[in-house]
Amino acid sequence: MQQLQDIKPTLLPSANHRQRFTYKDKFQSLRDRYEQVSAVRALLIPPRDRGWTEHAQQTNEALRKELSLAEEKMQKLEAENKYAS
C-alpha cells in the first residue's frame, strides 16, 4: 500500500496556463501516468491463469454447436436449392 501513496497525480496544464506545452510533453506525461497506474494495477490485481474460465468454455462450446448446426442447415438448403434449380 505504500506504493499507492508514493504515486502523485500528474496534472496536465489547463488551456489558459501561461506556460506553453507541446503535444510531446502532454504525451510523455500521459505515458508516465499510464506506466504508474499499470504498475500499481499489476501489484493489486493478480494475473489470471491463461486458460479459459468455466463459463467462457461452456459458452464457447455452445456457440460451436450452434455454428455446426447452422452450417449443416445451410448445406441442406444449398443442396435443396441446387436440386430445385
PDB file of N, CA and C in Angstrom:
ATOM      1  N   MET A   1       0.799  -1.191   0.000  1.00  0.00           N
ATOM      2  CA  MET A   1       0.000   0.000   0.000  1.00  0.00           C
ATOM      3  C   MET A   1       0.847   1.263   0.000  1.00  0.00           C
ATOM      4  N   GLN A   2       2.079   1.147   0.441  1.00  0.00           N
ATOM      5  CA  GLN A   2       2.983   2.291   0.435  1.00  0.00           C
ATOM      6  C   GLN A   2       3.188   2.794  -0.990  1.00  0.00           C
ATOM      7  N   GLN A   3       3.197   1.875  -1.954  1.00  0.00           N
ATOM      8  CA  GLN A   3       3.416   2.274  -3.336  1.00  0.00           C
ATOM      9  C   GLN A   3       2.263   3.110  -3.862  1.00  0.00           C
ATOM     10  N   LEU A   4       1.059   2.849  -3.359  1.00  0.00           N
ATOM     11  CA  LEU A   4      -0.083   3.659  -3.765  1.00  0.00           C
ATOM     12  C   LEU A   4       0.072   5.095  -3.284  1.00  0.00           C
ATOM     13  N   GLN A   5       0.626   5.271  -2.109  1.00  0.00           N
ATOM     14  CA  GLN A   5       0.799   6.611  -1.574  1.00  0.00           C
ATOM     15  C   GLN A   5       1.947   7.343  -2.253  1.00  0.00           C
ATOM     16  N   ASP A   6       2.891   6.588  -2.811  1.00  0.00           N
ATOM     17  CA  ASP A   6       4.030   7.206  -3.483  1.00  0.00           C
ATOM     18  C   ASP A   6       3.644   7.850  -4.806  1.00  0.00           C
ATOM     19  N   ILE A   7       2.565   7.394  -5.391  1.00  0.00           N
ATOM     20  CA  ILE A   7       2.156   7.918  -6.696  1.00  0.00           C
ATOM     21  C   ILE A   7       1.442   9.249  -6.496  1.00  0.00           C
ATOM     22  N   LYS A   8       1.944  10.263  -7.128  1.00  0.00           N
ATOM     23  CA  LYS A   8       1.339  11.579  -7.055  1.00  0.00           C
ATOM     24  C   LYS A   8       0.613  11.840  -8.366  1.00  0.00           C
ATOM     25  N   PRO A   9      -0.552  12.411  -8.294  1.00  0.00           N
ATOM     26  CA  PRO A   9      -1.289  12.647  -9.538  1.00  0.00           C
ATOM     27  C   PRO A   9      -0.550  13.597 -10.463  1.00  0.00           C
ATOM     28  N   THR A  10      -0.551  13.248 -11.728  1.00  0.00           N
ATOM     29  CA  THR A  10       0.077  14.088 -12.737  1.00  0.00           C
ATOM     30  C   THR A  10      -1.018  14.911 -13.392  1.00  0.00           C
ATOM     31  N   LEU A  11      -0.918  16.189 -13.271  1.00  0.00           N
ATOM     32  CA  LEU A  11      -1.933  17.068 -13.843  1.00  0.00           C
ATOM     33  C   LEU A  11      -1.387  17.713 -15.106  1.00  0.00           C
ATOM     34  N   LEU A  12      -2.179  17.686 -16.127  1.00  0.00           N
ATOM     35  CA  LEU A  12      -1.823  18.386 -17.357  1.00  0.00           C
ATOM     36  C   LEU A  12      -2.214  19.851 -17.204  1.00  0.00           C
ATOM     37  N   PRO A  13      -1.481  20.741 -17.803  1.00  0.00           N
ATOM     38  CA  PRO A  13      -1.821  22.163 -17.675  1.00  0.00           C
ATOM     39  C   PRO A  13      -3.135  22.473 -18.376  1.00  0.00           C
ATOM     40  N   SER A  14      -3.856  23.416 -17.820  1.00  0.00           N
ATOM     41  CA  SER A  14      -5.108  23.815 -18.439  1.00  0.00           C
ATOM     42  C   SER A  14      -4.823  24.688 -19.657  1.00  0.00           C
ATOM     43  N   ALA A  15      -5.862  24.958 -20.423  1.00  0.00           N
ATOM     44  CA  ALA A  15      -5.705  25.716 -21.667  1.00  0.00           C
ATOM     45  C   ALA A  15      -5.248  27.151 -21.408  1.00  0.00           C
ATOM     46  N   ASN A  16      -5.635  27.704 -20.271  1.00  0.00           N
ATOM     47  CA  ASN A  16      -5.268  29.089 -20.002  1.00  0.00           C
ATOM     48  C   ASN A  16      -3.977  29.195 -19.185  1.00  0.00           C
ATOM     49  N   HIS A  17      -3.259  28.127 -19.087  1.00  0.00           N
ATOM     50  CA  HIS A  17      -1.991  28.117 -18.366  1.00  0.00           C
ATOM     51  C   HIS A  17      -0.972  28.963 -19.139  1.00  0.00           C
ATOM     52  N   ARG A  18      -0.166  29.727 -18.435  1.00  0.00           N
ATOM     53  CA  ARG A  18       0.751  30.636 -19.116  1.00  0.00           C
ATOM     54  C   ARG A  18       1.881  29.917 -19.831  1.00  0.00           C
ATOM     55  N   GLN A  19       2.377  28.858 -19.223  1.00  0.00           N
ATOM     56  CA  GLN A  19       3.488  28.144 -19.851  1.00  0.00           C
ATOM     57  C   GLN A  19       2.957  27.313 -21.017  1.00  0.00           C
ATOM     58  N   ARG A  20       3.697  27.293 -22.088  1.00  0.00           N
ATOM     59  CA  ARG A  20       3.262  26.590 -23.290  1.00  0.00           C
ATOM     60  C   ARG A  20       3.810  25.168 -23.276  1.00  0.00           C
ATOM     61  N   PHE A  21       2.932  24.191 -23.488  1.00  0.00           N
ATOM     62  CA  PHE A  21       3.315  22.790 -23.521  1.00  0.00           C
ATOM     63  C   PHE A  21       3.104  22.244 -24.923  1.00  0.00           C
ATOM     64  N   THR A  22       3.997  21.396 -25.322  1.00  0.00           N
ATOM     65  CA  THR A  22       3.858  20.778 -26.636  1.00  0.00           C
ATOM     66  C   THR A  22       3.091  19.468 -26.490  1.00  0.00           C
ATOM     67  N   TYR A  23       2.670  18.933 -27.622  1.00  0.00           N
ATOM     68  CA  TYR A  23       1.988  17.647 -27.609  1.00  0.00           C
ATOM     69  C   TYR A  23       2.905  16.554 -27.095  1.00  0.00           C
ATOM     70  N   LYS A  24       4.203  16.682 -27.368  1.00  0.00           N
ATOM     71  CA  LYS A  24       5.154  15.686 -26.873  1.00  0.00           C
ATOM     72  C   LYS A  24       5.194  15.691 -25.354  1.00  0.00           C
ATOM     73  N   ASP A  25       5.144  16.875 -24.744  1.00  0.00           N
ATOM     74  CA  ASP A  25       5.131  16.961 -23.290  1.00  0.00           C
ATOM     75  C   ASP A  25       3.863  16.326 -22.713  1.00  0.00           C
ATOM     76  N   LYS A  26       2.735  16.633 -23.327  1.00  0.00           N
ATOM     77  CA  LYS A  26       1.471  16.058 -22.875  1.00  0.00           C
ATOM     78  C   LYS A  26       1.497  14.543 -23.032  1.00  0.00           C
ATOM     79  N   PHE A  27       1.980  14.078 -24.172  1.00  0.00           N
ATOM     80  CA  PHE A  27       2.058  12.642 -24.423  1.00  0.00           C
ATOM     81  C   PHE A  27       2.956  11.970 -23.392  1.00  0.00           C
ATOM     82  N   GLN A  28       4.097  12.580 -23.110  1.00  0.00           N
ATOM     83  CA  GLN A  28       5.034  11.988 -22.154  1.00  0.00           C
ATOM     84  C   GLN A  28       4.431  11.925 -20.749  1.00  0.00           C
ATOM     85  N   SER A  29       3.711  12.977 -20.354  1.00  0.00           N
ATOM     86  CA  SER A  29       3.101  12.961 -19.029  1.00  0.00           C
ATOM     87  C   SER A  29       2.007  11.902 -18.949  1.00  0.00           C
ATOM     88  N   LEU A  30       1.223  11.757 -20.015  1.00  0.00           N
ATOM     89  CA  LEU A  30       0.197  10.716 -20.035  1.00  0.00           C
ATOM     90  C   LEU A  30       0.826   9.323 -20.032  1.00  0.00           C
ATOM     91  N   ARG A  31       1.907   9.168 -20.754  1.00  0.00           N
ATOM     92  CA  ARG A  31       2.600   7.883 -20.794  1.00  0.00           C
ATOM     93  C   ARG A  31       3.154   7.523 -19.418  1.00  0.00           C
ATOM     94  N   ASP A  32       3.758   8.497 -18.730  1.00  0.00           N
ATOM     95  CA  ASP A  32       4.277   8.265 -17.388  1.00  0.00           C
ATOM     96  C   ASP A  32       3.157   7.853 -16.431  1.00  0.00           C
ATOM     97  N   ARG A  33       2.047   8.547 -16.525  1.00  0.00           N
ATOM     98  CA  ARG A  33       0.900   8.229 -15.662  1.00  0.00           C
ATOM     99  C   ARG A  33       0.385   6.828 -15.961  1.00  0.00           C
ATOM    100  N   TYR A  34       0.302   6.468 -17.228  1.00  0.00           N
ATOM    101  CA  TYR A  34      -0.154   5.133 -17.612  1.00  0.00           C
ATOM    102  C   TYR A  34       0.763   4.062 -17.034  1.00  0.00           C
ATOM    103  N   GLU A  35       2.060   4.289 -17.109  1.00  0.00           N
ATOM    104  CA  GLU A  35       3.009   3.315 -16.577  1.00  0.00           C
ATOM    105  C   GLU A  35       2.876   3.186 -15.068  1.00  0.00           C
ATOM    106  N   GLN A  36       2.631   4.299 -14.375  1.00  0.00           N
ATOM    107  CA  GLN A  36       2.432   4.238 -12.926  1.00  0.00           C
ATOM    108  C   GLN A  36       1.188   3.433 -12.574  1.00  0.00           C
ATOM    109  N   VAL A  37       0.103   3.726 -13.253  1.00  0.00           N
ATOM    110  CA  VAL A  37      -1.154   3.038 -12.978  1.00  0.00           C
ATOM    111  C   VAL A  37      -1.035   1.561 -13.327  1.00  0.00           C
ATOM    112  N   SER A  38      -0.387   1.250 -14.423  1.00  0.00           N
ATOM    113  CA  SER A  38      -0.212  -0.144 -14.813  1.00  0.00           C
ATOM    114  C   SER A  38       0.615  -0.906 -13.796  1.00  0.00           C
ATOM    115  N   ALA A  39       1.634  -0.265 -13.248  1.00  0.00           N
ATOM    116  CA  ALA A  39       2.473  -0.923 -12.248  1.00  0.00           C
ATOM    117  C   ALA A  39       1.670  -1.219 -10.981  1.00  0.00           C
ATOM    118  N   VAL A  40       0.874  -0.261 -10.538  1.00  0.00           N
ATOM    119  CA  VAL A  40       0.057  -0.467  -9.349  1.00  0.00           C
ATOM    120  C   VAL A  40      -0.991  -1.537  -9.605  1.00  0.00           C
ATOM    121  N   ARG A  41      -1.595  -1.482 -10.765  1.00  0.00           N
ATOM    122  CA  ARG A  41      -2.624  -2.463 -11.115  1.00  0.00           C
ATOM    123  C   ARG A  41      -2.052  -3.869 -11.142  1.00  0.00           C
ATOM    124  N   ALA A  42      -0.840  -4.007 -11.654  1.00  0.00           N
ATOM    125  CA  ALA A  42      -0.198  -5.316 -11.699  1.00  0.00           C
ATOM    126  C   ALA A  42       0.052  -5.847 -10.292  1.00  0.00           C
ATOM    127  N   LEU A  43       0.298  -4.952  -9.353  1.00  0.00           N
ATOM    128  CA  LEU A  43       0.512  -5.381  -7.969  1.00  0.00           C
ATOM    129  C   LEU A  43      -0.790  -5.752  -7.272  1.00  0.00           C
ATOM    130  N   LEU A  44      -1.856  -5.000  -7.547  1.00  0.00           N
ATOM    131  CA  LEU A  44      -3.119  -5.205  -6.852  1.00  0.00           C
ATOM    132  C   LEU A  44      -3.980  -6.307  -7.464  1.00  0.00           C
ATOM    133  N   ILE A  45      -3.946  -6.433  -8.760  1.00  0.00           N
ATOM    134  CA  ILE A  45      -4.794  -7.410  -9.440  1.00  0.00           C
ATOM    135  C   ILE A  45      -3.909  -8.548  -9.924  1.00  0.00           C
ATOM    136  N   PRO A  46      -4.038  -9.719  -9.318  1.00  0.00           N
ATOM    137  CA  PRO A  46      -3.187 -10.830  -9.751  1.00  0.00           C
ATOM    138  C   PRO A  46      -3.567 -11.278 -11.154  1.00  0.00           C
ATOM    139  N   PRO A  47      -2.595 -11.661 -11.946  1.00  0.00           N
ATOM    140  CA  PRO A  47      -2.906 -12.103 -13.311  1.00  0.00           C
ATOM    141  C   PRO A  47      -3.683 -13.406 -13.282  1.00  0.00           C
ATOM    142  N   ARG A  48      -4.629 -13.536 -14.162  1.00  0.00           N
ATOM    143  CA  ARG A  48      -5.402 -14.770 -14.272  1.00  0.00           C
ATOM    144  C   ARG A  48      -4.570 -15.811 -14.986  1.00  0.00           C
ATOM    145  N   ASP A  49      -4.924 -17.044 -14.698  1.00  0.00           N
ATOM    146  CA  ASP A  49      -4.245 -18.090 -15.457  1.00  0.00           C
ATOM    147  C   ASP A  49      -4.657 -17.971 -16.911  1.00  0.00           C
ATOM    148  N   ARG A  50      -3.847 -18.451 -17.776  1.00  0.00           N
ATOM    149  CA  ARG A  50      -4.051 -18.226 -19.208  1.00  0.00           C
ATOM    150  C   ARG A  50      -5.166 -19.078 -19.802  1.00  0.00           C
ATOM    151  N   GLY A  51      -5.719 -19.993 -19.037  1.00  0.00           N
ATOM    152  CA  GLY A  51      -6.773 -20.859 -19.550  1.00  0.00           C
ATOM    153  C   GLY A  51      -8.127 -20.176 -19.575  1.00  0.00           C
ATOM    154  N   TRP A  52      -9.088 -20.867 -20.102  1.00  0.00           N
ATOM    155  CA  TRP A  52     -10.450 -20.361 -20.181  1.00  0.00           C
ATOM    156  C   TRP A  52     -11.123 -20.515 -18.828  1.00  0.00           C
ATOM    157  N   THR A  53     -12.014 -19.598 -18.516  1.00  0.00           N
ATOM    158  CA  THR A  53     -12.854 -19.787 -17.336  1.00  0.00           C
ATOM    159  C   THR A  53     -13.926 -20.805 -17.695  1.00  0.00           C
ATOM    160  N   GLU A  54     -14.557 -21.369 -16.689  1.00  0.00           N
ATOM    161  CA  GLU A  54     -15.559 -22.412 -16.944  1.00  0.00           C
ATOM    162  C   GLU A  54     -16.732 -21.858 -17.753  1.00  0.00           C
ATOM    163  N   HIS A  55     -17.172 -20.672 -17.400  1.00  0.00           N
ATOM    164  CA  HIS A  55     -18.295 -20.061 -18.117  1.00  0.00           C
ATOM    165  C   HIS A  55     -17.925 -19.791 -19.583  1.00  0.00           C
ATOM    166  N   ALA A  56     -16.720 -19.277 -19.798  1.00  0.00           N
ATOM    167  CA  ALA A  56     -16.290 -18.991 -21.165  1.00  0.00           C
ATOM    168  C   ALA A  56     -16.171 -20.278 -21.973  1.00  0.00           C
ATOM    169  N   GLN A  57     -15.697 -21.344 -21.339  1.00  0.00           N
ATOM    170  CA  GLN A  57     -15.581 -22.628 -22.026  1.00  0.00           C
ATOM    171  C   GLN A  57     -16.961 -23.154 -22.417  1.00  0.00           C
ATOM    172  N   GLN A  58     -17.919 -23.062 -21.511  1.00  0.00           N
ATOM    173  CA  GLN A  58     -19.276 -23.519 -21.815  1.00  0.00           C
ATOM    174  C   GLN A  58     -19.897 -22.686 -22.925  1.00  0.00           C
ATOM    175  N   THR A  59     -19.696 -21.390 -22.872  1.00  0.00           N
ATOM    176  CA  THR A  59     -20.223 -20.510 -23.919  1.00  0.00           C
ATOM    177  C   THR A  59     -19.584 -20.837 -25.259  1.00  0.00           C
ATOM    178  N   ASN A  60     -18.284 -21.062 -25.261  1.00  0.00           N
ATOM    179  CA  ASN A  60     -17.576 -21.400 -26.488  1.00  0.00           C
ATOM    180  C   ASN A  60     -18.113 -22.701 -27.077  1.00  0.00           C
ATOM    181  N   GLU A  61     -18.298 -23.707 -26.244  1.00  0.00           N
ATOM    182  CA  GLU A  61     -18.823 -24.988 -26.722  1.00  0.00           C
ATOM    183  C   GLU A  61     -20.233 -24.831 -27.278  1.00  0.00           C
ATOM    184  N   ALA A  62     -21.079 -24.068 -26.580  1.00  0.00           N
ATOM    185  CA  ALA A  62     -22.453 -23.852 -27.044  1.00  0.00           C
ATOM    186  C   ALA A  62     -22.459 -23.125 -28.383  1.00  0.00           C
ATOM    187  N   LEU A  63     -21.606 -22.130 -28.537  1.00  0.00           N
ATOM    188  CA  LEU A  63     -21.555 -21.395 -29.802  1.00  0.00           C
ATOM    189  C   LEU A  63     -21.027 -22.269 -30.935  1.00  0.00           C
ATOM    190  N   ARG A  64     -20.059 -23.127 -30.630  1.00  0.00           N
ATOM    191  CA  ARG A  64     -19.548 -24.031 -31.668  1.00  0.00           C
ATOM    192  C   ARG A  64     -20.619 -25.020 -32.113  1.00  0.00           C
ATOM    193  N   LYS A  65     -21.413 -25.536 -31.169  1.00  0.00           N
ATOM    194  CA  LYS A  65     -22.513 -26.443 -31.520  1.00  0.00           C
ATOM    195  C   LYS A  65     -23.536 -25.722 -32.394  1.00  0.00           C
ATOM    196  N   GLU A  66     -23.875 -24.508 -31.996  1.00  0.00           N
ATOM    197  CA  GLU A  66     -24.842 -23.717 -32.760  1.00  0.00           C
ATOM    198  C   GLU A  66     -24.316 -23.437 -34.171  1.00  0.00           C
ATOM    199  N   LEU A  67     -23.022 -23.149 -34.274  1.00  0.00           N
ATOM    200  CA  LEU A  67     -22.414 -22.898 -35.572  1.00  0.00           C
ATOM    201  C   LEU A  67     -22.444 -24.148 -36.440  1.00  0.00           C
ATOM    202  N   SER A  68     -22.129 -25.295 -35.863  1.00  0.00           N
ATOM    203  CA  SER A  68     -22.136 -26.524 -36.664  1.00  0.00           C
ATOM    204  C   SER A  68     -23.548 -26.860 -37.125  1.00  0.00           C
ATOM    205  N   LEU A  69     -24.558 -26.633 -36.270  1.00  0.00           N
ATOM    206  CA  LEU A  69     -25.944 -26.864 -36.685  1.00  0.00           C
ATOM    207  C   LEU A  69     -26.342 -25.916 -37.810  1.00  0.00           C
ATOM    208  N   ALA A  70     -25.925 -24.668 -37.713  1.00  0.00           N
ATOM    209  CA  ALA A  70     -26.247 -23.690 -38.753  1.00  0.00           C
ATOM    210  C   ALA A  70     -25.554 -24.050 -40.069  1.00  0.00           C
ATOM    211  N   GLU A  71     -24.314 -24.543 -39.988  1.00  0.00           N
ATOM    212  CA  GLU A  71     -23.610 -24.946 -41.206  1.00  0.00           C
ATOM    213  C   GLU A  71     -24.293 -26.146 -41.859  1.00  0.00           C
ATOM    214  N   GLU A  72     -24.732 -27.119 -41.056  1.00  0.00           N
ATOM    215  CA  GLU A  72     -25.450 -28.273 -41.601  1.00  0.00           C
ATOM    216  C   GLU A  72     -26.743 -27.829 -42.277  1.00  0.00           C
ATOM    217  N   LYS A  73     -27.455 -26.922 -41.627  1.00  0.00           N
ATOM    218  CA  LYS A  73     -28.715 -26.412 -42.183  1.00  0.00           C
ATOM    219  C   LYS A  73     -28.456 -25.683 -43.501  1.00  0.00           C
ATOM    220  N   MET A  74     -27.381 -24.905 -43.539  1.00  0.00           N
ATOM    221  CA  MET A  74     -27.021 -24.177 -44.753  1.00  0.00           C
ATOM    222  C   MET A  74     -26.697 -25.148 -45.890  1.00  0.00           C
ATOM    223  N   GLN A  75     -25.958 -26.204 -45.579  1.00  0.00           N
ATOM    224  CA  GLN A  75     -25.614 -27.192 -46.610  1.00  0.00           C
ATOM    225  C   GLN A  75     -26.866 -27.878 -47.148  1.00  0.00           C
ATOM    226  N   LYS A  76     -27.817 -28.182 -46.261  1.00  0.00           N
ATOM    227  CA  LYS A  76     -29.065 -28.800 -46.700  1.00  0.00           C
ATOM    228  C   LYS A  76     -29.844 -27.855 -47.606  1.00  0.00           C
ATOM    229  N   LEU A  77     -29.910 -26.577 -47.211  1.00  0.00           N
ATOM    230  CA  LEU A  77     -30.641 -25.608 -48.026  1.00  0.00           C
ATOM    231  C   LEU A  77     -29.959 -25.391 -49.375  1.00  0.00           C
ATOM    232  N   GLU A  78     -28.638 -25.377 -49.402  1.00  0.00           N
ATOM    233  CA  GLU A  78     -27.909 -25.240 -50.661  1.00  0.00           C
ATOM    234  C   GLU A  78     -28.147 -26.448 -51.559  1.00  0.00           C
ATOM    235  N   ALA A  79     -28.193 -27.626 -50.942  1.00  0.00           N
ATOM    236  CA  ALA A  79     -28.440 -28.848 -51.716  1.00  0.00           C
ATOM    237  C   ALA A  79     -29.855 -28.818 -52.304  1.00  0.00           C
ATOM    238  N   GLU A  80     -30.832 -28.386 -51.492  1.00  0.00           N
ATOM    239  CA  GLU A  80     -32.217 -28.294 -51.981  1.00  0.00           C
ATOM    240  C   GLU A  80     -32.310 -27.254 -53.091  1.00  0.00           C
ATOM    241  N   ASN A  81     -31.622 -26.131 -52.939  1.00  0.00           N
ATOM    242  CA  ASN A  81     -31.644 -25.074 -53.930  1.00  0.00           C
ATOM    243  C   ASN A  81     -30.997 -25.553 -55.230  1.00  0.00           C
ATOM    244  N   LYS A  82     -29.917 -26.284 -55.104  1.00  0.00           N
ATOM    245  CA  LYS A  82     -29.239 -26.819 -56.280  1.00  0.00           C
ATOM    246  C   LYS A  82     -30.114 -27.840 -56.989  1.00  0.00           C
ATOM    247  N   TYR A  83     -30.808 -28.654 -56.203  1.00  0.00           N
ATOM    248  CA  TYR A  83     -31.676 -29.685 -56.758  1.00  0.00           C
ATOM    249  C   TYR A  83     -32.892 -29.053 -57.434  1.00  0.00           C
ATOM    250  N   ALA A  84     -33.426 -27.972 -56.845  1.00  0.00           N
ATOM    251  CA  ALA A  84     -34.614 -27.304 -57.392  1.00  0.00           C
ATOM    252  C   ALA A  84     -34.290 -26.532 -58.663  1.00  0.00           C
ATOM    253  N   SER A  85     -33.069 -26.129 -58.845  1.00  0.00           N
ATOM    254  CA  SER A  85     -32.719 -25.316 -60.000  1.00  0.00           C
ATOM    255  C   SER A  85     -32.650 -26.095 -61.246  1.00  0.00           C
TER     256      SER A  85
END
